[in-house]
Amino acid sequence: MSWLASRNDSPAIDGFESVLGLCPELLERYRGFYGAIWDEGVLPARLLELCRLRIARLNRCEAESAIAHSESGLTIAERSSLSRGDIPDSMTDLERRVLAVASKVPFEIHDVGDDEIEALCLGLGDDGLVALMLALPLFDASCRLRLVLEVAPEARNVDPPASRTGTLY
Protein backbone atom coordinates (compact mmCIF):
# COMPACT_ATOMS: atom_id res chain seq x y z
CA MET A 1 0.00 0.00 0.00
CA SER A 2 2.31 2.71 -1.22
CA TRP A 3 -0.29 5.43 -0.68
CA LEU A 4 -0.06 4.99 3.12
CA ALA A 5 2.60 6.78 5.12
CA SER A 6 5.29 4.44 6.32
CA ARG A 7 7.90 4.45 9.05
CA ASN A 8 10.47 5.39 6.39
CA ASP A 9 8.53 8.58 5.66
CA SER A 10 8.97 9.75 9.27
CA PRO A 11 12.01 8.09 10.84
CA ALA A 12 11.60 10.03 14.11
CA ILE A 13 8.09 8.61 14.63
CA ASP A 14 7.50 5.02 15.65
CA GLY A 15 4.97 2.75 13.94
CA PHE A 16 2.36 3.33 16.61
CA GLU A 17 2.38 7.10 16.25
CA SER A 18 2.66 7.05 12.47
CA VAL A 19 -0.42 4.83 12.09
CA LEU A 20 -2.46 6.98 14.48
CA GLY A 21 -1.17 9.98 12.53
CA LEU A 22 -2.96 8.76 9.42
CA CYS A 23 -6.00 10.27 11.11
CA PRO A 24 -4.67 13.51 12.64
CA GLU A 25 -7.81 14.07 14.71
CA LEU A 26 -7.45 10.60 16.26
CA LEU A 27 -3.80 11.24 17.05
CA GLU A 28 -4.62 14.61 18.62
CA ARG A 29 -7.42 13.15 20.76
CA TYR A 30 -5.29 10.19 21.78
CA ARG A 31 -2.45 12.53 22.77
CA GLY A 32 -4.81 14.68 24.81
CA PHE A 33 -6.47 11.79 26.62
CA TYR A 34 -3.29 9.80 27.25
CA GLY A 35 -1.28 12.88 28.15
CA ALA A 36 -3.90 14.05 30.66
CA ILE A 37 -3.54 10.80 32.61
CA TRP A 38 0.15 11.53 33.16
CA ASP A 39 0.26 15.32 33.13
CA GLU A 40 -2.59 16.26 35.44
CA GLY A 41 -0.94 14.63 38.45
CA VAL A 42 -4.09 13.03 39.86
CA LEU A 43 -2.08 9.81 40.26
CA PRO A 44 1.66 9.63 40.89
CA ALA A 45 3.80 8.77 37.86
CA ARG A 46 5.22 5.83 39.85
CA LEU A 47 1.80 4.24 40.25
CA LEU A 48 0.90 4.79 36.61
CA GLU A 49 4.24 3.34 35.49
CA LEU A 50 3.77 0.26 37.69
CA CYS A 51 0.37 -0.33 36.12
CA ARG A 52 1.55 0.33 32.56
CA LEU A 53 4.42 -2.12 32.91
CA ARG A 54 2.29 -4.77 34.63
CA ILE A 55 -0.29 -4.62 31.84
CA ALA A 56 2.47 -4.67 29.20
CA ARG A 57 3.89 -7.83 30.75
CA LEU A 58 0.50 -9.53 30.88
CA ASN A 59 -0.04 -8.69 27.20
CA ARG A 60 3.53 -9.77 26.38
CA CYS A 61 4.04 -6.39 24.72
CA GLU A 62 7.78 -5.87 24.49
CA ALA A 63 7.37 -2.55 22.67
CA GLU A 64 5.50 -1.11 25.66
CA SER A 65 7.80 -2.75 28.22
CA ALA A 66 10.90 -1.23 26.62
CA ILE A 67 9.74 2.32 27.39
CA ALA A 68 10.61 3.92 30.74
CA HIS A 69 9.04 7.05 32.23
CA SER A 70 12.04 9.03 33.47
CA GLU A 71 10.33 10.55 36.51
CA SER A 72 8.44 7.49 37.75
CA GLY A 73 11.06 6.72 40.36
CA LEU A 74 11.03 2.99 39.60
CA THR A 75 14.34 1.32 40.30
CA ILE A 76 16.08 -1.04 37.91
CA ALA A 77 15.28 -3.89 40.30
CA GLU A 78 11.58 -3.00 40.31
CA ARG A 79 11.47 -2.79 36.50
CA SER A 80 13.30 -6.11 36.27
CA SER A 81 10.87 -7.74 38.69
CA LEU A 82 7.89 -6.46 36.70
CA SER A 83 9.43 -7.67 33.43
CA ARG A 84 9.62 -11.19 34.91
CA GLY A 85 5.96 -10.98 35.88
CA ASP A 86 6.66 -10.59 39.59
CA ILE A 87 5.37 -7.94 41.96
CA PRO A 88 8.38 -6.15 43.49
CA ASP A 89 8.85 -6.59 47.25
CA SER A 90 9.22 -2.83 47.63
CA MET A 91 5.55 -2.13 46.80
CA THR A 92 3.33 -0.46 49.37
CA ASP A 93 -0.01 -2.03 50.33
CA LEU A 94 -1.84 0.48 48.12
CA GLU A 95 0.46 -0.22 45.17
CA ARG A 96 -0.17 -3.95 45.61
CA ARG A 97 -3.94 -3.42 45.64
CA VAL A 98 -3.72 -1.25 42.53
CA LEU A 99 -1.57 -3.85 40.76
CA ALA A 100 -4.03 -6.60 41.72
CA VAL A 101 -6.78 -4.71 39.89
CA ALA A 102 -4.46 -3.77 37.01
CA SER A 103 -3.61 -7.46 36.62
CA LYS A 104 -7.25 -8.24 35.92
CA VAL A 105 -7.79 -5.60 33.25
CA PRO A 106 -6.38 -7.40 30.19
CA PHE A 107 -8.22 -10.70 30.55
CA GLU A 108 -10.35 -10.77 33.73
CA ILE A 109 -11.90 -7.31 34.04
CA HIS A 110 -15.24 -8.75 35.13
CA ASP A 111 -13.52 -10.32 38.14
CA VAL A 112 -12.76 -6.93 39.73
CA GLY A 113 -14.86 -6.90 42.89
CA ASP A 114 -16.67 -4.14 44.72
CA ASP A 115 -14.42 -4.68 47.73
CA GLU A 116 -11.34 -4.03 45.59
CA ILE A 117 -12.87 -0.84 44.19
CA GLU A 118 -13.84 0.36 47.69
CA ALA A 119 -10.30 -0.23 48.95
CA LEU A 120 -8.85 1.68 46.00
CA CYS A 121 -11.28 4.54 46.53
CA LEU A 122 -10.20 4.80 50.17
CA GLY A 123 -6.54 4.86 49.16
CA LEU A 124 -6.77 7.05 46.05
CA GLY A 125 -9.88 9.16 46.63
CA ASP A 126 -12.70 9.54 44.13
CA ASP A 127 -10.63 11.47 41.56
CA GLY A 128 -7.75 9.02 41.84
CA LEU A 129 -10.05 6.03 41.37
CA VAL A 130 -11.64 7.57 38.27
CA ALA A 131 -8.21 8.40 36.83
CA LEU A 132 -6.99 4.86 37.50
CA MET A 133 -10.05 3.24 35.96
CA LEU A 134 -9.50 5.35 32.83
CA ALA A 135 -5.76 4.69 32.71
CA LEU A 136 -5.82 0.91 33.05
CA PRO A 137 -7.91 0.10 29.96
CA LEU A 138 -6.02 2.75 28.00
CA PHE A 139 -2.72 1.05 28.88
CA ASP A 140 -4.24 -2.24 27.78
CA ALA A 141 -5.47 -0.74 24.50
CA SER A 142 -2.06 0.84 23.83
CA CYS A 143 -0.40 -2.56 24.27
CA ARG A 144 -2.89 -4.24 21.99
CA LEU A 145 -2.44 -1.56 19.33
CA ARG A 146 1.34 -1.93 19.47
CA LEU A 147 0.97 -5.71 19.14
CA VAL A 148 -1.43 -5.48 16.20
CA LEU A 149 0.75 -2.87 14.49
CA GLU A 150 3.83 -5.01 15.21
CA VAL A 151 5.70 -2.06 16.69
CA ALA A 152 9.30 -3.09 17.30
CA PRO A 153 10.61 -2.70 20.85
CA GLU A 154 12.81 0.37 21.23
CA ALA A 155 14.35 0.99 24.64
CA ARG A 156 13.92 4.65 25.51
CA ASN A 157 13.39 6.94 28.45
CA VAL A 158 10.60 9.46 28.06
CA ASP A 159 10.35 12.73 29.93
CA PRO A 160 7.27 14.66 31.01
CA PRO A 161 5.09 16.20 29.83
CA ALA A 162 3.61 12.93 28.73
CA SER A 163 2.22 12.48 25.28
CA ARG A 164 0.43 15.77 24.75
CA THR A 165 3.46 17.27 23.03
CA GLY A 166 6.16 14.61 22.99
CA THR A 167 6.51 11.23 21.37
CA LEU A 168 3.74 8.83 22.31
CA TYR A 169 4.63 6.12 24.77
C-alpha atoms as a PDB file:
ATOM      1  CA  MET A   1       0.000   0.000   0.000  1.00  0.00           C
ATOM      2  CA  SER A   2       2.311   2.711  -1.216  1.00  0.00           C
ATOM      3  CA  TRP A   3      -0.295   5.430  -0.676  1.00  0.00           C
ATOM      4  CA  LEU A   4      -0.059   4.988   3.115  1.00  0.00           C
ATOM      5  CA  ALA A   5       2.596   6.776   5.116  1.00  0.00           C
ATOM      6  CA  SER A   6       5.291   4.443   6.322  1.00  0.00           C
ATOM      7  CA  ARG A   7       7.903   4.450   9.053  1.00  0.00           C
ATOM      8  CA  ASN A   8      10.468   5.393   6.393  1.00  0.00           C
ATOM      9  CA  ASP A   9       8.532   8.582   5.662  1.00  0.00           C
ATOM     10  CA  SER A  10       8.971   9.751   9.267  1.00  0.00           C
ATOM     11  CA  PRO A  11      12.007   8.093  10.842  1.00  0.00           C
ATOM     12  CA  ALA A  12      11.596  10.027  14.107  1.00  0.00           C
ATOM     13  CA  ILE A  13       8.089   8.610  14.631  1.00  0.00           C
ATOM     14  CA  ASP A  14       7.496   5.020  15.652  1.00  0.00           C
ATOM     15  CA  GLY A  15       4.972   2.754  13.937  1.00  0.00           C
ATOM     16  CA  PHE A  16       2.357   3.333  16.612  1.00  0.00           C
ATOM     17  CA  GLU A  17       2.377   7.098  16.254  1.00  0.00           C
ATOM     18  CA  SER A  18       2.660   7.050  12.473  1.00  0.00           C
ATOM     19  CA  VAL A  19      -0.418   4.830  12.094  1.00  0.00           C
ATOM     20  CA  LEU A  20      -2.460   6.975  14.479  1.00  0.00           C
ATOM     21  CA  GLY A  21      -1.165   9.981  12.533  1.00  0.00           C
ATOM     22  CA  LEU A  22      -2.962   8.765   9.416  1.00  0.00           C
ATOM     23  CA  CYS A  23      -5.999  10.267  11.113  1.00  0.00           C
ATOM     24  CA  PRO A  24      -4.667  13.506  12.639  1.00  0.00           C
ATOM     25  CA  GLU A  25      -7.807  14.067  14.708  1.00  0.00           C
ATOM     26  CA  LEU A  26      -7.451  10.603  16.255  1.00  0.00           C
ATOM     27  CA  LEU A  27      -3.796  11.243  17.046  1.00  0.00           C
ATOM     28  CA  GLU A  28      -4.618  14.613  18.625  1.00  0.00           C
ATOM     29  CA  ARG A  29      -7.416  13.153  20.759  1.00  0.00           C
ATOM     30  CA  TYR A  30      -5.290  10.189  21.776  1.00  0.00           C
ATOM     31  CA  ARG A  31      -2.452  12.526  22.770  1.00  0.00           C
ATOM     32  CA  GLY A  32      -4.811  14.685  24.811  1.00  0.00           C
ATOM     33  CA  PHE A  33      -6.466  11.794  26.618  1.00  0.00           C
ATOM     34  CA  TYR A  34      -3.289   9.802  27.246  1.00  0.00           C
ATOM     35  CA  GLY A  35      -1.284  12.884  28.149  1.00  0.00           C
ATOM     36  CA  ALA A  36      -3.896  14.047  30.662  1.00  0.00           C
ATOM     37  CA  ILE A  37      -3.536  10.800  32.610  1.00  0.00           C
ATOM     38  CA  TRP A  38       0.154  11.531  33.156  1.00  0.00           C
ATOM     39  CA  ASP A  39       0.262  15.317  33.129  1.00  0.00           C
ATOM     40  CA  GLU A  40      -2.585  16.262  35.437  1.00  0.00           C
ATOM     41  CA  GLY A  41      -0.937  14.635  38.451  1.00  0.00           C
ATOM     42  CA  VAL A  42      -4.089  13.030  39.863  1.00  0.00           C
ATOM     43  CA  LEU A  43      -2.079   9.814  40.263  1.00  0.00           C
ATOM     44  CA  PRO A  44       1.664   9.626  40.894  1.00  0.00           C
ATOM     45  CA  ALA A  45       3.796   8.766  37.859  1.00  0.00           C
ATOM     46  CA  ARG A  46       5.217   5.834  39.845  1.00  0.00           C
ATOM     47  CA  LEU A  47       1.797   4.238  40.253  1.00  0.00           C
ATOM     48  CA  LEU A  48       0.897   4.785  36.608  1.00  0.00           C
ATOM     49  CA  GLU A  49       4.239   3.340  35.489  1.00  0.00           C
ATOM     50  CA  LEU A  50       3.771   0.263  37.693  1.00  0.00           C
ATOM     51  CA  CYS A  51       0.370  -0.334  36.118  1.00  0.00           C
ATOM     52  CA  ARG A  52       1.545   0.335  32.558  1.00  0.00           C
ATOM     53  CA  LEU A  53       4.424  -2.120  32.906  1.00  0.00           C
ATOM     54  CA  ARG A  54       2.285  -4.765  34.629  1.00  0.00           C
ATOM     55  CA  ILE A  55      -0.286  -4.621  31.838  1.00  0.00           C
ATOM     56  CA  ALA A  56       2.468  -4.671  29.198  1.00  0.00           C
ATOM     57  CA  ARG A  57       3.893  -7.826  30.753  1.00  0.00           C
ATOM     58  CA  LEU A  58       0.501  -9.533  30.879  1.00  0.00           C
ATOM     59  CA  ASN A  59      -0.039  -8.686  27.204  1.00  0.00           C
ATOM     60  CA  ARG A  60       3.532  -9.769  26.379  1.00  0.00           C
ATOM     61  CA  CYS A  61       4.036  -6.387  24.724  1.00  0.00           C
ATOM     62  CA  GLU A  62       7.785  -5.868  24.487  1.00  0.00           C
ATOM     63  CA  ALA A  63       7.367  -2.550  22.671  1.00  0.00           C
ATOM     64  CA  GLU A  64       5.502  -1.107  25.660  1.00  0.00           C
ATOM     65  CA  SER A  65       7.804  -2.751  28.216  1.00  0.00           C
ATOM     66  CA  ALA A  66      10.898  -1.231  26.615  1.00  0.00           C
ATOM     67  CA  ILE A  67       9.743   2.323  27.390  1.00  0.00           C
ATOM     68  CA  ALA A  68      10.605   3.922  30.743  1.00  0.00           C
ATOM     69  CA  HIS A  69       9.040   7.054  32.230  1.00  0.00           C
ATOM     70  CA  SER A  70      12.040   9.033  33.465  1.00  0.00           C
ATOM     71  CA  GLU A  71      10.333  10.545  36.512  1.00  0.00           C
ATOM     72  CA  SER A  72       8.443   7.491  37.753  1.00  0.00           C
ATOM     73  CA  GLY A  73      11.063   6.718  40.358  1.00  0.00           C
ATOM     74  CA  LEU A  74      11.032   2.989  39.599  1.00  0.00           C
ATOM     75  CA  THR A  75      14.335   1.319  40.304  1.00  0.00           C
ATOM     76  CA  ILE A  76      16.083  -1.040  37.907  1.00  0.00           C
ATOM     77  CA  ALA A  77      15.280  -3.892  40.304  1.00  0.00           C
ATOM     78  CA  GLU A  78      11.579  -3.002  40.309  1.00  0.00           C
ATOM     79  CA  ARG A  79      11.469  -2.791  36.504  1.00  0.00           C
ATOM     80  CA  SER A  80      13.303  -6.109  36.274  1.00  0.00           C
ATOM     81  CA  SER A  81      10.874  -7.739  38.692  1.00  0.00           C
ATOM     82  CA  LEU A  82       7.895  -6.460  36.705  1.00  0.00           C
ATOM     83  CA  SER A  83       9.432  -7.670  33.433  1.00  0.00           C
ATOM     84  CA  ARG A  84       9.619 -11.186  34.912  1.00  0.00           C
ATOM     85  CA  GLY A  85       5.956 -10.976  35.882  1.00  0.00           C
ATOM     86  CA  ASP A  86       6.664 -10.586  39.593  1.00  0.00           C
ATOM     87  CA  ILE A  87       5.365  -7.944  41.960  1.00  0.00           C
ATOM     88  CA  PRO A  88       8.384  -6.151  43.488  1.00  0.00           C
ATOM     89  CA  ASP A  89       8.850  -6.592  47.253  1.00  0.00           C
ATOM     90  CA  SER A  90       9.217  -2.827  47.629  1.00  0.00           C
ATOM     91  CA  MET A  91       5.553  -2.128  46.803  1.00  0.00           C
ATOM     92  CA  THR A  92       3.326  -0.460  49.371  1.00  0.00           C
ATOM     93  CA  ASP A  93      -0.010  -2.026  50.327  1.00  0.00           C
ATOM     94  CA  LEU A  94      -1.842   0.482  48.122  1.00  0.00           C
ATOM     95  CA  GLU A  95       0.457  -0.218  45.170  1.00  0.00           C
ATOM     96  CA  ARG A  96      -0.173  -3.948  45.615  1.00  0.00           C
ATOM     97  CA  ARG A  97      -3.944  -3.418  45.637  1.00  0.00           C
ATOM     98  CA  VAL A  98      -3.721  -1.245  42.530  1.00  0.00           C
ATOM     99  CA  LEU A  99      -1.567  -3.852  40.758  1.00  0.00           C
ATOM    100  CA  ALA A 100      -4.028  -6.596  41.719  1.00  0.00           C
ATOM    101  CA  VAL A 101      -6.782  -4.711  39.895  1.00  0.00           C
ATOM    102  CA  ALA A 102      -4.461  -3.771  37.009  1.00  0.00           C
ATOM    103  CA  SER A 103      -3.614  -7.458  36.619  1.00  0.00           C
ATOM    104  CA  LYS A 104      -7.255  -8.242  35.915  1.00  0.00           C
ATOM    105  CA  VAL A 105      -7.785  -5.597  33.250  1.00  0.00           C
ATOM    106  CA  PRO A 106      -6.381  -7.404  30.189  1.00  0.00           C
ATOM    107  CA  PHE A 107      -8.223 -10.704  30.553  1.00  0.00           C
ATOM    108  CA  GLU A 108     -10.349 -10.774  33.730  1.00  0.00           C
ATOM    109  CA  ILE A 109     -11.900  -7.308  34.039  1.00  0.00           C
ATOM    110  CA  HIS A 110     -15.242  -8.749  35.131  1.00  0.00           C
ATOM    111  CA  ASP A 111     -13.520 -10.322  38.145  1.00  0.00           C
ATOM    112  CA  VAL A 112     -12.763  -6.935  39.732  1.00  0.00           C
ATOM    113  CA  GLY A 113     -14.858  -6.896  42.893  1.00  0.00           C
ATOM    114  CA  ASP A 114     -16.670  -4.140  44.720  1.00  0.00           C
ATOM    115  CA  ASP A 115     -14.422  -4.680  47.734  1.00  0.00           C
ATOM    116  CA  GLU A 116     -11.342  -4.032  45.588  1.00  0.00           C
ATOM    117  CA  ILE A 117     -12.868  -0.837  44.192  1.00  0.00           C
ATOM    118  CA  GLU A 118     -13.839   0.358  47.689  1.00  0.00           C
ATOM    119  CA  ALA A 119     -10.302  -0.230  48.947  1.00  0.00           C
ATOM    120  CA  LEU A 120      -8.848   1.680  46.004  1.00  0.00           C
ATOM    121  CA  CYS A 121     -11.283   4.540  46.533  1.00  0.00           C
ATOM    122  CA  LEU A 122     -10.203   4.797  50.170  1.00  0.00           C
ATOM    123  CA  GLY A 123      -6.541   4.860  49.162  1.00  0.00           C
ATOM    124  CA  LEU A 124      -6.770   7.046  46.053  1.00  0.00           C
ATOM    125  CA  GLY A 125      -9.881   9.159  46.630  1.00  0.00           C
ATOM    126  CA  ASP A 126     -12.695   9.543  44.128  1.00  0.00           C
ATOM    127  CA  ASP A 127     -10.630  11.467  41.563  1.00  0.00           C
ATOM    128  CA  GLY A 128      -7.749   9.017  41.835  1.00  0.00           C
ATOM    129  CA  LEU A 129     -10.046   6.034  41.370  1.00  0.00           C
ATOM    130  CA  VAL A 130     -11.636   7.573  38.272  1.00  0.00           C
ATOM    131  CA  ALA A 131      -8.205   8.399  36.828  1.00  0.00           C
ATOM    132  CA  LEU A 132      -6.995   4.858  37.503  1.00  0.00           C
ATOM    133  CA  MET A 133     -10.051   3.244  35.955  1.00  0.00           C
ATOM    134  CA  LEU A 134      -9.498   5.349  32.827  1.00  0.00           C
ATOM    135  CA  ALA A 135      -5.756   4.693  32.705  1.00  0.00           C
ATOM    136  CA  LEU A 136      -5.819   0.906  33.053  1.00  0.00           C
ATOM    137  CA  PRO A 137      -7.915   0.101  29.960  1.00  0.00           C
ATOM    138  CA  LEU A 138      -6.023   2.745  27.998  1.00  0.00           C
ATOM    139  CA  PHE A 139      -2.719   1.053  28.880  1.00  0.00           C
ATOM    140  CA  ASP A 140      -4.244  -2.243  27.778  1.00  0.00           C
ATOM    141  CA  ALA A 141      -5.474  -0.739  24.504  1.00  0.00           C
ATOM    142  CA  SER A 142      -2.063   0.838  23.834  1.00  0.00           C
ATOM    143  CA  CYS A 143      -0.398  -2.555  24.268  1.00  0.00           C
ATOM    144  CA  ARG A 144      -2.889  -4.243  21.987  1.00  0.00           C
ATOM    145  CA  LEU A 145      -2.440  -1.563  19.328  1.00  0.00           C
ATOM    146  CA  ARG A 146       1.337  -1.933  19.474  1.00  0.00           C
ATOM    147  CA  LEU A 147       0.970  -5.705  19.139  1.00  0.00           C
ATOM    148  CA  VAL A 148      -1.434  -5.480  16.198  1.00  0.00           C
ATOM    149  CA  LEU A 149       0.750  -2.869  14.486  1.00  0.00           C
ATOM    150  CA  GLU A 150       3.831  -5.015  15.207  1.00  0.00           C
ATOM    151  CA  VAL A 151       5.702  -2.063  16.688  1.00  0.00           C
ATOM    152  CA  ALA A 152       9.300  -3.092  17.298  1.00  0.00           C
ATOM    153  CA  PRO A 153      10.606  -2.697  20.855  1.00  0.00           C
ATOM    154  CA  GLU A 154      12.808   0.368  21.230  1.00  0.00           C
ATOM    155  CA  ALA A 155      14.354   0.995  24.639  1.00  0.00           C
ATOM    156  CA  ARG A 156      13.916   4.649  25.510  1.00  0.00           C
ATOM    157  CA  ASN A 157      13.391   6.944  28.449  1.00  0.00           C
ATOM    158  CA  VAL A 158      10.605   9.459  28.064  1.00  0.00           C
ATOM    159  CA  ASP A 159      10.354  12.732  29.927  1.00  0.00           C
ATOM    160  CA  PRO A 160       7.266  14.657  31.008  1.00  0.00           C
ATOM    161  CA  PRO A 161       5.095  16.198  29.832  1.00  0.00           C
ATOM    162  CA  ALA A 162       3.609  12.930  28.734  1.00  0.00           C
ATOM    163  CA  SER A 163       2.220  12.484  25.278  1.00  0.00           C
ATOM    164  CA  ARG A 164       0.433  15.772  24.749  1.00  0.00           C
ATOM    165  CA  THR A 165       3.457  17.275  23.028  1.00  0.00           C
ATOM    166  CA  GLY A 166       6.160  14.612  22.985  1.00  0.00           C
ATOM    167  CA  THR A 167       6.510  11.234  21.374  1.00  0.00           C
ATOM    168  CA  LEU A 168       3.744   8.829  22.312  1.00  0.00           C
ATOM    169  CA  TYR A 169       4.630   6.123  24.772  1.00  0.00           C
END
